[in-house]
Amino acid sequence: QVQLVESGGGLVQAGDSLKLSCAASGRTASSYAMGWFRQAPGKQREFVAAISSYGITNYADAVKGRFTISRDNAKNTVNLQMNSLKPEDTAVYYCAADLSLRTLRNGPAQYWGQGTQVTVSS
């Protein structure tokens, strides 16, 4: 069992940066691929970024070059550094975990956090 708790959301202006963090509990949390998804109002949840247990990363085209995912296995945390934010990045961001990076990327992941709101004003 893995529990995920996100933090770091907030209200920023276009062009600003924001860092999201996800704390994972559970003895084997470091064995899981972890990632971020987002859901904007009226839209389906979409993949943002993922990182395997050994550091391979994967990004959605919409965030490549602006967002960076990283993890600290000693602390069981995964971070999402978001730079050059745009109003279209506004969404609830969810942390997710799965033993398989492929399953995490294509869905549905096994474990989900409750989400954190990111709002980017123009």
N, C-alpha and C. Protein backbone atom coordinates (compact mmCIF):
# COMPACT_ATOMS: atom_id res chain seq x y z
N GLN A 1 0.84 -1.19 0.00
CA GLN A 1 0.00 0.00 0.00
C GLN A 1 0.88 1.25 0.00
N VAL A 2 0.56 2.18 -0.87
CA VAL A 2 1.30 3.43 -0.97
C VAL A 2 0.32 4.58 -0.84
N GLN A 3 0.62 5.51 0.02
CA GLN A 3 -0.19 6.71 0.16
C GLN A 3 0.60 7.91 -0.36
N LEU A 4 -0.09 8.77 -1.07
CA LEU A 4 0.56 9.91 -1.71
C LEU A 4 -0.07 11.21 -1.23
N VAL A 5 0.75 12.18 -0.88
CA VAL A 5 0.27 13.47 -0.42
C VAL A 5 1.00 14.57 -1.18
N GLU A 6 0.22 15.36 -1.93
CA GLU A 6 0.81 16.44 -2.71
C GLU A 6 0.86 17.74 -1.91
N SER A 7 1.78 18.60 -2.30
CA SER A 7 1.87 19.94 -1.71
C SER A 7 2.52 20.87 -2.72
N GLY A 8 2.35 22.18 -2.49
CA GLY A 8 3.04 23.15 -3.31
C GLY A 8 2.22 23.90 -4.32
N GLY A 9 0.95 23.58 -4.42
CA GLY A 9 0.11 24.30 -5.37
C GLY A 9 -0.13 25.73 -4.92
N GLY A 10 -0.71 26.52 -5.82
CA GLY A 10 -1.01 27.90 -5.48
C GLY A 10 -1.39 28.73 -6.68
N LEU A 11 -1.47 30.03 -6.45
CA LEU A 11 -1.82 30.98 -7.50
C LEU A 11 -0.57 31.76 -7.90
N VAL A 12 -0.25 31.73 -9.20
CA VAL A 12 0.92 32.44 -9.70
C VAL A 12 0.53 33.17 -10.98
N GLN A 13 1.43 34.02 -11.44
CA GLN A 13 1.20 34.73 -12.69
C GLN A 13 1.92 34.01 -13.84
N ALA A 14 1.44 34.26 -15.03
CA ALA A 14 2.08 33.67 -16.21
C ALA A 14 3.56 34.04 -16.24
N GLY A 15 4.39 33.03 -16.54
CA GLY A 15 5.83 33.22 -16.56
C GLY A 15 6.52 32.86 -15.27
N ASP A 16 5.75 32.72 -14.20
CA ASP A 16 6.33 32.37 -12.90
C ASP A 16 6.67 30.89 -12.84
N SER A 17 7.30 30.52 -11.73
CA SER A 17 7.65 29.13 -11.47
C SER A 17 6.95 28.65 -10.21
N LEU A 18 6.79 27.34 -10.12
CA LEU A 18 6.16 26.72 -8.97
C LEU A 18 6.71 25.30 -8.86
N LYS A 19 6.86 24.83 -7.63
CA LYS A 19 7.37 23.47 -7.42
C LYS A 19 6.35 22.67 -6.63
N LEU A 20 5.93 21.57 -7.19
CA LEU A 20 5.05 20.64 -6.51
C LEU A 20 5.86 19.50 -5.92
N SER A 21 5.41 19.02 -4.78
CA SER A 21 6.05 17.87 -4.15
C SER A 21 5.00 16.81 -3.82
N CYS A 22 5.45 15.57 -3.84
CA CYS A 22 4.58 14.45 -3.49
C CYS A 22 5.35 13.55 -2.55
N ALA A 23 4.80 13.38 -1.36
CA ALA A 23 5.41 12.50 -0.37
C ALA A 23 4.71 11.15 -0.40
N ALA A 24 5.49 10.09 -0.55
CA ALA A 24 4.95 8.75 -0.62
C ALA A 24 5.28 7.99 0.66
N SER A 25 4.29 7.32 1.20
CA SER A 25 4.51 6.50 2.39
C SER A 25 4.46 5.04 2.00
N GLY A 26 5.13 4.21 2.78
CA GLY A 26 5.17 2.79 2.46
C GLY A 26 6.60 2.34 2.28
N ARG A 27 6.90 1.17 2.79
CA ARG A 27 8.27 0.69 2.80
C ARG A 27 8.84 0.52 1.40
N THR A 28 8.00 0.20 0.43
CA THR A 28 8.49 -0.07 -0.92
C THR A 28 8.21 1.06 -1.89
N ALA A 29 7.93 2.26 -1.36
CA ALA A 29 7.57 3.38 -2.23
C ALA A 29 8.66 3.67 -3.25
N SER A 30 9.92 3.48 -2.88
CA SER A 30 11.02 3.78 -3.81
C SER A 30 11.05 2.83 -4.99
N SER A 31 10.32 1.74 -4.94
CA SER A 31 10.27 0.78 -6.03
C SER A 31 9.26 1.16 -7.11
N TYR A 32 8.46 2.15 -6.84
CA TYR A 32 7.39 2.53 -7.73
C TYR A 32 7.81 3.62 -8.71
N ALA A 33 7.30 3.51 -9.93
CA ALA A 33 7.36 4.65 -10.84
C ALA A 33 6.36 5.67 -10.32
N MET A 34 6.70 6.94 -10.42
CA MET A 34 5.82 7.99 -9.91
C MET A 34 5.66 9.06 -10.97
N GLY A 35 4.55 9.74 -10.89
CA GLY A 35 4.30 10.75 -11.92
C GLY A 35 3.26 11.77 -11.51
N TRP A 36 3.02 12.68 -12.44
CA TRP A 36 2.05 13.74 -12.24
C TRP A 36 1.07 13.77 -13.40
N PHE A 37 -0.18 13.96 -13.04
CA PHE A 37 -1.26 14.17 -13.99
C PHE A 37 -1.96 15.47 -13.61
N ARG A 38 -2.75 15.98 -14.53
CA ARG A 38 -3.52 17.19 -14.20
C ARG A 38 -4.88 17.13 -14.85
N GLN A 39 -5.82 17.83 -14.23
CA GLN A 39 -7.17 17.90 -14.77
C GLN A 39 -7.68 19.32 -14.65
N ALA A 40 -7.93 19.92 -15.80
CA ALA A 40 -8.49 21.27 -15.85
C ALA A 40 -10.02 21.17 -15.83
N PRO A 41 -10.70 22.23 -15.43
CA PRO A 41 -12.17 22.21 -15.39
C PRO A 41 -12.76 21.85 -16.73
N GLY A 42 -13.66 20.88 -16.74
CA GLY A 42 -14.33 20.48 -17.96
C GLY A 42 -13.51 19.63 -18.89
N LYS A 43 -12.31 19.22 -18.47
CA LYS A 43 -11.45 18.43 -19.33
C LYS A 43 -11.10 17.12 -18.64
N GLN A 44 -10.64 16.17 -19.45
CA GLN A 44 -10.21 14.90 -18.90
C GLN A 44 -8.83 15.05 -18.24
N ARG A 45 -8.58 14.16 -17.32
CA ARG A 45 -7.27 14.14 -16.69
C ARG A 45 -6.22 13.76 -17.73
N GLU A 46 -5.08 14.43 -17.70
CA GLU A 46 -4.04 14.16 -18.69
C GLU A 46 -2.69 13.96 -18.02
N PHE A 47 -1.87 13.19 -18.70
CA PHE A 47 -0.52 12.90 -18.23
C PHE A 47 0.35 14.14 -18.33
N VAL A 48 1.21 14.35 -17.33
CA VAL A 48 2.14 15.48 -17.34
C VAL A 48 3.58 14.98 -17.41
N ALA A 49 3.98 14.18 -16.44
CA ALA A 49 5.37 13.70 -16.39
C ALA A 49 5.44 12.48 -15.50
N ALA A 50 6.46 11.65 -15.73
CA ALA A 50 6.66 10.46 -14.92
C ALA A 50 8.14 10.17 -14.79
N ILE A 51 8.48 9.43 -13.73
CA ILE A 51 9.87 9.05 -13.51
C ILE A 51 9.88 7.63 -12.96
N SER A 52 10.74 6.80 -13.52
CA SER A 52 10.82 5.42 -13.06
C SER A 52 11.58 5.36 -11.73
N SER A 53 11.59 4.18 -11.15
CA SER A 53 12.26 4.01 -9.85
C SER A 53 13.76 4.27 -9.96
N TYR A 54 14.32 4.12 -11.17
CA TYR A 54 15.75 4.35 -11.34
C TYR A 54 16.06 5.60 -12.14
N GLY A 55 15.05 6.47 -12.35
CA GLY A 55 15.32 7.80 -12.86
C GLY A 55 15.02 8.11 -14.31
N ILE A 56 14.47 7.17 -15.05
CA ILE A 56 14.08 7.47 -16.43
C ILE A 56 12.84 8.36 -16.41
N THR A 57 12.87 9.44 -17.18
CA THR A 57 11.78 10.40 -17.18
C THR A 57 11.02 10.39 -18.49
N ASN A 58 9.79 10.86 -18.40
CA ASN A 58 8.90 10.93 -19.56
C ASN A 58 8.00 12.15 -19.37
N TYR A 59 7.83 12.93 -20.45
CA TYR A 59 7.06 14.17 -20.35
C TYR A 59 6.01 14.26 -21.44
N ALA A 60 4.93 14.93 -21.13
CA ALA A 60 3.95 15.28 -22.15
C ALA A 60 4.55 16.40 -23.01
N ASP A 61 4.19 16.40 -24.28
CA ASP A 61 4.73 17.41 -25.19
C ASP A 61 4.44 18.83 -24.71
N ALA A 62 3.29 19.01 -24.07
CA ALA A 62 2.87 20.36 -23.66
C ALA A 62 3.77 20.96 -22.59
N VAL A 63 4.54 20.13 -21.90
CA VAL A 63 5.36 20.64 -20.79
C VAL A 63 6.85 20.43 -21.01
N LYS A 64 7.22 19.76 -22.07
CA LYS A 64 8.65 19.52 -22.33
C LYS A 64 9.41 20.84 -22.40
N GLY A 65 10.55 20.87 -21.72
CA GLY A 65 11.37 22.07 -21.73
C GLY A 65 10.98 23.08 -20.66
N ARG A 66 9.81 22.89 -20.05
CA ARG A 66 9.35 23.82 -19.00
C ARG A 66 9.26 23.15 -17.64
N PHE A 67 8.86 21.88 -17.63
CA PHE A 67 8.69 21.15 -16.39
C PHE A 67 9.80 20.12 -16.23
N THR A 68 10.21 19.90 -14.98
CA THR A 68 11.22 18.89 -14.68
C THR A 68 10.76 18.04 -13.51
N ILE A 69 10.73 16.73 -13.71
CA ILE A 69 10.36 15.82 -12.64
C ILE A 69 11.63 15.22 -12.06
N SER A 70 11.63 15.05 -10.74
CA SER A 70 12.78 14.45 -10.07
C SER A 70 12.28 13.67 -8.87
N ARG A 71 13.13 12.80 -8.34
CA ARG A 71 12.73 12.05 -7.16
C ARG A 71 13.91 11.90 -6.22
N ASP A 72 13.58 11.76 -4.95
CA ASP A 72 14.56 11.49 -3.90
C ASP A 72 14.10 10.21 -3.21
N ASN A 73 14.70 9.10 -3.58
CA ASN A 73 14.25 7.81 -3.03
C ASN A 73 14.53 7.70 -1.54
N ALA A 74 15.54 8.38 -1.05
CA ALA A 74 15.83 8.33 0.38
C ALA A 74 14.71 8.98 1.19
N LYS A 75 14.08 9.98 0.59
CA LYS A 75 13.00 10.70 1.27
C LYS A 75 11.62 10.28 0.76
N ASN A 76 11.58 9.39 -0.23
CA ASN A 76 10.32 8.95 -0.82
C ASN A 76 9.49 10.13 -1.31
N THR A 77 10.14 11.03 -2.01
CA THR A 77 9.43 12.18 -2.56
C THR A 77 9.70 12.30 -4.06
N VAL A 78 8.74 12.87 -4.75
CA VAL A 78 8.90 13.20 -6.16
C VAL A 78 8.47 14.66 -6.33
N ASN A 79 9.24 15.39 -7.08
CA ASN A 79 8.98 16.81 -7.27
C ASN A 79 8.71 17.13 -8.73
N LEU A 80 7.95 18.18 -8.93
CA LEU A 80 7.70 18.68 -10.27
C LEU A 80 8.01 20.17 -10.27
N GLN A 81 9.12 20.53 -10.87
CA GLN A 81 9.50 21.93 -11.01
C GLN A 81 8.87 22.46 -12.28
N MET A 82 8.04 23.47 -12.12
CA MET A 82 7.29 24.02 -13.25
C MET A 82 7.76 25.45 -13.51
N ASN A 83 8.34 25.68 -14.65
CA ASN A 83 8.83 27.00 -15.03
C ASN A 83 8.03 27.54 -16.22
N SER A 84 8.13 28.84 -16.42
CA SER A 84 7.44 29.49 -17.54
C SER A 84 5.98 29.07 -17.61
N LEU A 85 5.32 29.17 -16.50
CA LEU A 85 3.93 28.70 -16.42
C LEU A 85 3.02 29.54 -17.31
N LYS A 86 2.02 28.87 -17.86
CA LYS A 86 1.05 29.49 -18.75
C LYS A 86 -0.35 29.34 -18.16
N PRO A 87 -1.28 30.20 -18.52
CA PRO A 87 -2.64 30.05 -18.03
C PRO A 87 -3.22 28.66 -18.33
N GLU A 88 -2.83 28.07 -19.44
CA GLU A 88 -3.36 26.75 -19.79
C GLU A 88 -2.79 25.63 -18.91
N ASP A 89 -1.84 25.96 -18.05
CA ASP A 89 -1.35 24.98 -17.08
C ASP A 89 -2.25 24.91 -15.84
N THR A 90 -3.22 25.79 -15.76
CA THR A 90 -4.14 25.81 -14.64
C THR A 90 -4.91 24.49 -14.57
N ALA A 91 -4.85 23.84 -13.41
CA ALA A 91 -5.49 22.53 -13.25
C ALA A 91 -5.26 22.05 -11.82
N VAL A 92 -5.96 20.99 -11.47
CA VAL A 92 -5.63 20.23 -10.26
C VAL A 92 -4.57 19.21 -10.66
N TYR A 93 -3.47 19.22 -9.96
CA TYR A 93 -2.36 18.32 -10.26
C TYR A 93 -2.38 17.15 -9.27
N TYR A 94 -2.30 15.94 -9.83
CA TYR A 94 -2.35 14.73 -9.03
C TYR A 94 -1.04 13.97 -9.13
N CYS A 95 -0.60 13.46 -8.01
CA CYS A 95 0.54 12.56 -7.97
C CYS A 95 0.02 11.14 -8.11
N ALA A 96 0.76 10.29 -8.80
CA ALA A 96 0.35 8.92 -9.01
C ALA A 96 1.57 8.00 -8.91
N ALA A 97 1.29 6.74 -8.60
CA ALA A 97 2.37 5.76 -8.48
C ALA A 97 1.90 4.41 -8.99
N ASP A 98 2.82 3.69 -9.61
CA ASP A 98 2.54 2.35 -10.10
C ASP A 98 3.86 1.61 -10.23
N LEU A 99 3.83 0.31 -10.09
CA LEU A 99 5.06 -0.47 -10.23
C LEU A 99 5.58 -0.43 -11.66
N SER A 100 4.69 -0.20 -12.62
CA SER A 100 5.06 -0.17 -14.03
C SER A 100 5.04 1.26 -14.56
N LEU A 101 6.14 1.72 -15.15
CA LEU A 101 6.15 3.04 -15.75
C LEU A 101 5.18 3.11 -16.92
N ARG A 102 5.07 2.01 -17.66
CA ARG A 102 4.14 1.99 -18.80
C ARG A 102 2.70 2.15 -18.33
N THR A 103 2.34 1.41 -17.29
CA THR A 103 0.98 1.52 -16.76
C THR A 103 0.74 2.92 -16.20
N LEU A 104 1.73 3.45 -15.50
CA LEU A 104 1.60 4.80 -14.96
C LEU A 104 1.37 5.79 -16.09
N ARG A 105 2.13 5.66 -17.17
CA ARG A 105 2.08 6.61 -18.28
C ARG A 105 0.75 6.51 -19.02
N ASN A 106 0.27 5.29 -19.23
CA ASN A 106 -0.93 5.09 -20.04
C ASN A 106 -2.20 4.93 -19.22
N GLY A 107 -2.05 4.73 -17.94
CA GLY A 107 -3.17 4.65 -17.03
C GLY A 107 -3.86 3.30 -17.01
N PRO A 108 -4.71 3.06 -16.00
CA PRO A 108 -4.74 3.87 -14.79
C PRO A 108 -3.69 3.42 -13.78
N ALA A 109 -3.04 4.40 -13.14
CA ALA A 109 -2.07 4.08 -12.12
C ALA A 109 -2.76 3.47 -10.91
N GLN A 110 -1.97 2.73 -10.12
CA GLN A 110 -2.54 2.02 -8.99
C GLN A 110 -2.88 2.95 -7.82
N TYR A 111 -2.04 3.94 -7.57
CA TYR A 111 -2.24 4.81 -6.42
C TYR A 111 -2.29 6.27 -6.86
N TRP A 112 -3.13 7.02 -6.15
CA TRP A 112 -3.33 8.44 -6.49
C TRP A 112 -3.36 9.29 -5.23
N GLY A 113 -2.86 10.51 -5.36
CA GLY A 113 -3.03 11.48 -4.29
C GLY A 113 -4.34 12.22 -4.44
N GLN A 114 -4.58 13.15 -3.53
CA GLN A 114 -5.84 13.88 -3.53
C GLN A 114 -5.82 15.09 -4.46
N GLY A 115 -4.65 15.52 -4.86
CA GLY A 115 -4.55 16.63 -5.80
C GLY A 115 -4.23 17.95 -5.13
N THR A 116 -3.59 18.83 -5.89
CA THR A 116 -3.30 20.18 -5.43
C THR A 116 -3.58 21.15 -6.57
N GLN A 117 -4.21 22.26 -6.24
CA GLN A 117 -4.64 23.22 -7.26
C GLN A 117 -3.48 24.13 -7.67
N VAL A 118 -3.32 24.26 -8.98
CA VAL A 118 -2.39 25.23 -9.55
C VAL A 118 -3.19 26.17 -10.44
N THR A 119 -3.09 27.45 -10.16
CA THR A 119 -3.80 28.46 -10.95
C THR A 119 -2.79 29.47 -11.47
N VAL A 120 -2.80 29.65 -12.79
CA VAL A 120 -1.88 30.59 -13.44
C VAL A 120 -2.71 31.70 -14.06
N SER A 121 -2.50 32.90 -13.57
CA SER A 121 -3.26 34.05 -14.09
C SER A 121 -2.48 34.72 -15.22
N SER A 122 -3.22 35.29 -16.15
CA SER A 122 -2.58 35.93 -17.32
C SER A 122 -2.25 37.39 -17.04
